[in-house]
């Protein structure tokens, strides 16, 4: 099972986080499918930790 570690993104301003274009979908706790863990982590940071990783794949 994939574990997403968003702490590595905290050193960047949210608007400056360079996410790869690789499509490896993950489902967030807001039941939105994110293109990859980087996009989920951006939402996690923007929501002050409210949006968390649920599972790999689409929601």
PDB file of N, CA and C in Angstrom:
ATOM      1  N   UNK A   1       0.846  -1.195   0.000  1.00  0.00           N
ATOM      2  CA  UNK A   1       0.000   0.000   0.000  1.00  0.00           C
ATOM      3  C   UNK A   1       0.884   1.250   0.000  1.00  0.00           C
ATOM      4  N   UNK A   2       0.556   2.165  -0.820  1.00  0.00           N
ATOM      5  CA  UNK A   2       1.277   3.424  -0.930  1.00  0.00           C
ATOM      6  C   UNK A   2       0.981   4.310   0.271  1.00  0.00           C
ATOM      7  N   UNK A   3       2.011   4.893   0.826  1.00  0.00           N
ATOM      8  CA  UNK A   3       1.845   5.908   1.860  1.00  0.00           C
ATOM      9  C   UNK A   3       2.340   7.225   1.276  1.00  0.00           C
ATOM     10  N   UNK A   4       1.575   8.259   1.425  1.00  0.00           N
ATOM     11  CA  UNK A   4       1.941   9.560   0.882  1.00  0.00           C
ATOM     12  C   UNK A   4       2.556  10.403   1.997  1.00  0.00           C
ATOM     13  N   UNK A   5       3.751  10.921   1.747  1.00  0.00           N
ATOM     14  CA  UNK A   5       4.450  11.763   2.710  1.00  0.00           C
ATOM     15  C   UNK A   5       4.476  13.193   2.178  1.00  0.00           C
ATOM     16  N   UNK A   6       3.576  14.015   2.672  1.00  0.00           N
ATOM     17  CA  UNK A   6       3.487  15.392   2.183  1.00  0.00           C
ATOM     18  C   UNK A   6       4.475  16.327   2.872  1.00  0.00           C
ATOM     19  N   UNK A   7       5.155  15.856   3.899  1.00  0.00           N
ATOM     20  CA  UNK A   7       6.072  16.737   4.624  1.00  0.00           C
ATOM     21  C   UNK A   7       7.220  17.223   3.746  1.00  0.00           C
ATOM     22  N   UNK A   8       7.566  16.456   2.713  1.00  0.00           N
ATOM     23  CA  UNK A   8       8.664  16.875   1.836  1.00  0.00           C
ATOM     24  C   UNK A   8       8.299  18.112   1.019  1.00  0.00           C
ATOM     25  N   UNK A   9       7.006  18.412   0.891  1.00  0.00           N
ATOM     26  CA  UNK A   9       6.565  19.564   0.106  1.00  0.00           C
ATOM     27  C   UNK A   9       6.451  20.834   0.945  1.00  0.00           C
ATOM     28  N   UNK A  10       6.544  20.718   2.269  1.00  0.00           N
ATOM     29  CA  UNK A  10       6.341  21.877   3.144  1.00  0.00           C
ATOM     30  C   UNK A  10       7.428  22.928   3.020  1.00  0.00           C
ATOM     31  N   UNK A  11       8.565  22.566   2.438  1.00  0.00           N
ATOM     32  CA  UNK A  11       9.648  23.541   2.311  1.00  0.00           C
ATOM     33  C   UNK A  11       9.440  24.502   1.145  1.00  0.00           C
ATOM     34  N   UNK A  12       8.430  24.256   0.323  1.00  0.00           N
ATOM     35  CA  UNK A  12       8.137  25.104  -0.833  1.00  0.00           C
ATOM     36  C   UNK A  12       6.857  25.898  -0.596  1.00  0.00           C
ATOM     37  N   UNK A  13       6.768  27.113  -1.156  1.00  0.00           N
ATOM     38  CA  UNK A  13       5.459  27.786  -1.172  1.00  0.00           C
ATOM     39  C   UNK A  13       4.506  26.958  -2.041  1.00  0.00           C
ATOM     40  N   UNK A  14       3.258  26.856  -1.647  1.00  0.00           N
ATOM     41  CA  UNK A  14       2.290  26.013  -2.366  1.00  0.00           C
ATOM     42  C   UNK A  14       2.240  26.349  -3.848  1.00  0.00           C
ATOM     43  N   UNK A  15       2.329  27.614  -4.192  1.00  0.00           N
ATOM     44  CA  UNK A  15       2.238  28.010  -5.603  1.00  0.00           C
ATOM     45  C   UNK A  15       3.476  27.638  -6.405  1.00  0.00           C
ATOM     46  N   UNK A  16       4.563  27.262  -5.731  1.00  0.00           N
ATOM     47  CA  UNK A  16       5.818  26.981  -6.429  1.00  0.00           C
ATOM     48  C   UNK A  16       6.187  25.502  -6.453  1.00  0.00           C
ATOM     49  N   UNK A  17       5.295  24.630  -6.010  1.00  0.00           N
ATOM     50  CA  UNK A  17       5.614  23.206  -5.971  1.00  0.00           C
ATOM     51  C   UNK A  17       5.558  22.642  -7.387  1.00  0.00           C
ATOM     52  N   UNK A  18       6.680  22.121  -7.870  1.00  0.00           N
ATOM     53  CA  UNK A  18       6.712  21.551  -9.223  1.00  0.00           C
ATOM     54  C   UNK A  18       6.249  20.092  -9.214  1.00  0.00           C
ATOM     55  N   UNK A  19       5.044  19.842  -9.669  1.00  0.00           N
ATOM     56  CA  UNK A  19       4.528  18.467  -9.714  1.00  0.00           C
ATOM     57  C   UNK A  19       4.839  17.828 -11.064  1.00  0.00           C
ATOM     58  N   UNK A  20       5.196  16.541 -11.047  1.00  0.00           N
ATOM     59  CA  UNK A  20       5.404  15.837 -12.312  1.00  0.00           C
ATOM     60  C   UNK A  20       4.073  15.637 -13.034  1.00  0.00           C
ATOM     61  N   UNK A  21       4.141  15.414 -14.340  1.00  0.00           N
ATOM     62  CA  UNK A  21       2.913  15.209 -15.110  1.00  0.00           C
ATOM     63  C   UNK A  21       2.504  13.738 -15.148  1.00  0.00           C
ATOM     64  N   UNK A  22       3.265  12.888 -14.494  1.00  0.00           N
ATOM     65  CA  UNK A  22       2.968  11.457 -14.457  1.00  0.00           C
ATOM     66  C   UNK A  22       1.596  11.223 -13.832  1.00  0.00           C
ATOM     67  N   UNK A  23       0.760  10.427 -14.515  1.00  0.00           N
ATOM     68  CA  UNK A  23      -0.578  10.131 -14.007  1.00  0.00           C
ATOM     69  C   UNK A  23      -0.549   8.834 -13.209  1.00  0.00           C
ATOM     70  N   UNK A  24      -0.550   8.983 -11.893  1.00  0.00           N
ATOM     71  CA  UNK A  24      -0.640   7.860 -10.958  1.00  0.00           C
ATOM     72  C   UNK A  24      -1.703   8.247  -9.942  1.00  0.00           C
ATOM     73  N   UNK A  25      -2.992   8.070 -10.288  1.00  0.00           N
ATOM     74  CA  UNK A  25      -4.075   8.637  -9.487  1.00  0.00           C
ATOM     75  C   UNK A  25      -4.119   8.127  -8.051  1.00  0.00           C
ATOM     76  N   UNK A  26      -4.484   9.045  -7.159  1.00  0.00           N
ATOM     77  CA  UNK A  26      -4.712   8.731  -5.753  1.00  0.00           C
ATOM     78  C   UNK A  26      -6.016   9.396  -5.336  1.00  0.00           C
ATOM     79  N   UNK A  27      -6.686   8.794  -4.378  1.00  0.00           N
ATOM     80  CA  UNK A  27      -7.966   9.306  -3.890  1.00  0.00           C
ATOM     81  C   UNK A  27      -7.740  10.035  -2.574  1.00  0.00           C
ATOM     82  N   UNK A  28      -8.271  11.243  -2.484  1.00  0.00           N
ATOM     83  CA  UNK A  28      -8.165  12.026  -1.258  1.00  0.00           C
ATOM     84  C   UNK A  28      -9.380  11.824  -0.369  1.00  0.00           C
ATOM     85  N   UNK A  29      -9.243  12.239   0.886  1.00  0.00           N
ATOM     86  CA  UNK A  29     -10.333  12.099   1.849  1.00  0.00           C
ATOM     87  C   UNK A  29     -11.520  12.989   1.511  1.00  0.00           C
ATOM     88  N   UNK A  30     -11.359  13.884   0.541  1.00  0.00           N
ATOM     89  CA  UNK A  30     -12.464  14.701   0.043  1.00  0.00           C
ATOM     90  C   UNK A  30     -13.158  14.011  -1.136  1.00  0.00           C
ATOM     91  N   UNK A  31     -12.761  12.765  -1.387  1.00  0.00           N
ATOM     92  CA  UNK A  31     -13.299  11.930  -2.472  1.00  0.00           C
ATOM     93  C   UNK A  31     -13.090  12.555  -3.846  1.00  0.00           C
ATOM     94  N   UNK A  32     -11.977  13.238  -3.997  1.00  0.00           N
ATOM     95  CA  UNK A  32     -11.540  13.768  -5.284  1.00  0.00           C
ATOM     96  C   UNK A  32     -10.327  12.964  -5.714  1.00  0.00           C
ATOM     97  N   UNK A  33     -10.290  12.589  -6.999  1.00  0.00           N
ATOM     98  CA  UNK A  33      -9.139  11.874  -7.542  1.00  0.00           C
ATOM     99  C   UNK A  33      -8.098  12.893  -7.975  1.00  0.00           C
ATOM    100  N   UNK A  34      -6.892  12.742  -7.457  1.00  0.00           N
ATOM    101  CA  UNK A  34      -5.772  13.615  -7.803  1.00  0.00           C
ATOM    102  C   UNK A  34      -4.858  12.872  -8.759  1.00  0.00           C
ATOM    103  N   UNK A  35      -4.265  13.582  -9.693  1.00  0.00           N
ATOM    104  CA  UNK A  35      -3.447  12.976 -10.738  1.00  0.00           C
ATOM    105  C   UNK A  35      -2.235  12.222 -10.230  1.00  0.00           C
ATOM    106  N   UNK A  36      -1.705  12.652  -9.112  1.00  0.00           N
ATOM    107  CA  UNK A  36      -0.592  11.952  -8.471  1.00  0.00           C
ATOM    108  C   UNK A  36      -0.464  12.479  -7.040  1.00  0.00           C
ATOM    109  N   UNK A  37       0.454  11.906  -6.272  1.00  0.00           N
ATOM    110  CA  UNK A  37       0.562  12.278  -4.862  1.00  0.00           C
ATOM    111  C   UNK A  37       0.974  13.735  -4.671  1.00  0.00           C
ATOM    112  N   UNK A  38       1.706  14.299  -5.599  1.00  0.00           N
ATOM    113  CA  UNK A  38       2.100  15.702  -5.492  1.00  0.00           C
ATOM    114  C   UNK A  38       0.870  16.606  -5.493  1.00  0.00           C
ATOM    115  N   UNK A  39      -0.061  16.349  -6.393  1.00  0.00           N
ATOM    116  CA  UNK A  39      -1.281  17.160  -6.458  1.00  0.00           C
ATOM    117  C   UNK A  39      -2.109  16.995  -5.184  1.00  0.00           C
ATOM    118  N   UNK A  40      -2.151  15.790  -4.641  1.00  0.00           N
ATOM    119  CA  UNK A  40      -2.839  15.560  -3.369  1.00  0.00           C
ATOM    120  C   UNK A  40      -2.151  16.344  -2.257  1.00  0.00           C
ATOM    121  N   UNK A  41      -0.838  16.336  -2.233  1.00  0.00           N
ATOM    122  CA  UNK A  41      -0.100  17.043  -1.186  1.00  0.00           C
ATOM    123  C   UNK A  41      -0.307  18.547  -1.264  1.00  0.00           C
ATOM    124  N   UNK A  42      -0.413  19.084  -2.453  1.00  0.00           N
ATOM    125  CA  UNK A  42      -0.710  20.514  -2.584  1.00  0.00           C
ATOM    126  C   UNK A  42      -2.051  20.814  -1.925  1.00  0.00           C
ATOM    127  N   UNK A  43      -3.048  19.983  -2.191  1.00  0.00           N
ATOM    128  CA  UNK A  43      -4.363  20.190  -1.573  1.00  0.00           C
ATOM    129  C   UNK A  43      -4.283  19.994  -0.065  1.00  0.00           C
ATOM    130  N   UNK A  44      -3.478  19.035   0.384  1.00  0.00           N
ATOM    131  CA  UNK A  44      -3.269  18.805   1.811  1.00  0.00           C
ATOM    132  C   UNK A  44      -2.707  20.069   2.467  1.00  0.00           C
ATOM    133  N   UNK A  45      -1.723  20.683   1.850  1.00  0.00           N
ATOM    134  CA  UNK A  45      -1.128  21.896   2.407  1.00  0.00           C
ATOM    135  C   UNK A  45      -2.101  23.069   2.368  1.00  0.00           C
ATOM    136  N   UNK A  46      -2.842  23.207   1.262  1.00  0.00           N
ATOM    137  CA  UNK A  46      -3.807  24.302   1.136  1.00  0.00           C
ATOM    138  C   UNK A  46      -4.943  24.171   2.143  1.00  0.00           C
ATOM    139  N   UNK A  47      -5.291  22.926   2.496  1.00  0.00           N
ATOM    140  CA  UNK A  47      -6.400  22.693   3.426  1.00  0.00           C
ATOM    141  C   UNK A  47      -5.917  22.551   4.870  1.00  0.00           C
ATOM    142  N   UNK A  48      -4.652  22.867   5.116  1.00  0.00           N
ATOM    143  CA  UNK A  48      -4.063  22.749   6.457  1.00  0.00           C
ATOM    144  C   UNK A  48      -4.225  21.342   7.028  1.00  0.00           C
ATOM    145  N   UNK A  49      -4.016  20.351   6.171  1.00  0.00           N
ATOM    146  CA  UNK A  49      -4.022  18.956   6.600  1.00  0.00           C
ATOM    147  C   UNK A  49      -5.365  18.259   6.600  1.00  0.00           C
ATOM    148  N   UNK A  50      -6.415  18.949   6.183  1.00  0.00           N
ATOM    149  CA  UNK A  50      -7.744  18.327   6.199  1.00  0.00           C
ATOM    150  C   UNK A  50      -7.891  17.258   5.125  1.00  0.00           C
ATOM    151  N   UNK A  51      -7.310  17.474   3.951  1.00  0.00           N
ATOM    152  CA  UNK A  51      -7.393  16.485   2.874  1.00  0.00           C
ATOM    153  C   UNK A  51      -6.240  15.505   3.038  1.00  0.00           C
ATOM    154  N   UNK A  52      -6.580  14.240   3.222  1.00  0.00           N
ATOM    155  CA  UNK A  52      -5.604  13.181   3.457  1.00  0.00           C
ATOM    156  C   UNK A  52      -5.702  12.128   2.356  1.00  0.00           C
ATOM    157  N   UNK A  53      -4.698  11.291   2.271  1.00  0.00           N
ATOM    158  CA  UNK A  53      -4.664  10.164   1.343  1.00  0.00           C
ATOM    159  C   UNK A  53      -5.624   9.081   1.823  1.00  0.00           C
ATOM    160  N   UNK A  54      -6.472   8.571   0.924  1.00  0.00           N
ATOM    161  CA  UNK A  54      -7.342   7.440   1.253  1.00  0.00           C
ATOM    162  C   UNK A  54      -6.814   6.149   0.652  1.00  0.00           C
ATOM    163  N   UNK A  55      -6.612   6.154  -0.675  1.00  0.00           N
ATOM    164  CA  UNK A  55      -6.122   4.946  -1.332  1.00  0.00           C
ATOM    165  C   UNK A  55      -5.577   5.271  -2.712  1.00  0.00           C
ATOM    166  N   UNK A  56      -4.825   4.314  -3.258  1.00  0.00           N
ATOM    167  CA  UNK A  56      -4.328   4.437  -4.626  1.00  0.00           C
ATOM    168  C   UNK A  56      -5.494   4.288  -5.592  1.00  0.00           C
ATOM    169  N   UNK A  57      -5.375   4.881  -6.762  1.00  0.00           N
ATOM    170  CA  UNK A  57      -6.391   4.750  -7.799  1.00  0.00           C
ATOM    171  C   UNK A  57      -7.453   5.823  -7.695  1.00  0.00           C
ATOM    172  N   UNK A  58      -8.393   5.743  -8.630  1.00  0.00           N
ATOM    173  CA  UNK A  58      -9.469   6.736  -8.669  1.00  0.00           C
ATOM    174  C   UNK A  58     -10.441   6.505  -7.526  1.00  0.00           C
ATOM    175  N   UNK A  59     -11.117   7.574  -7.134  1.00  0.00           N
ATOM    176  CA  UNK A  59     -12.091   7.489  -6.032  1.00  0.00           C
ATOM    177  C   UNK A  59     -13.349   6.750  -6.464  1.00  0.00           C
TER     178      UNK A  59
END
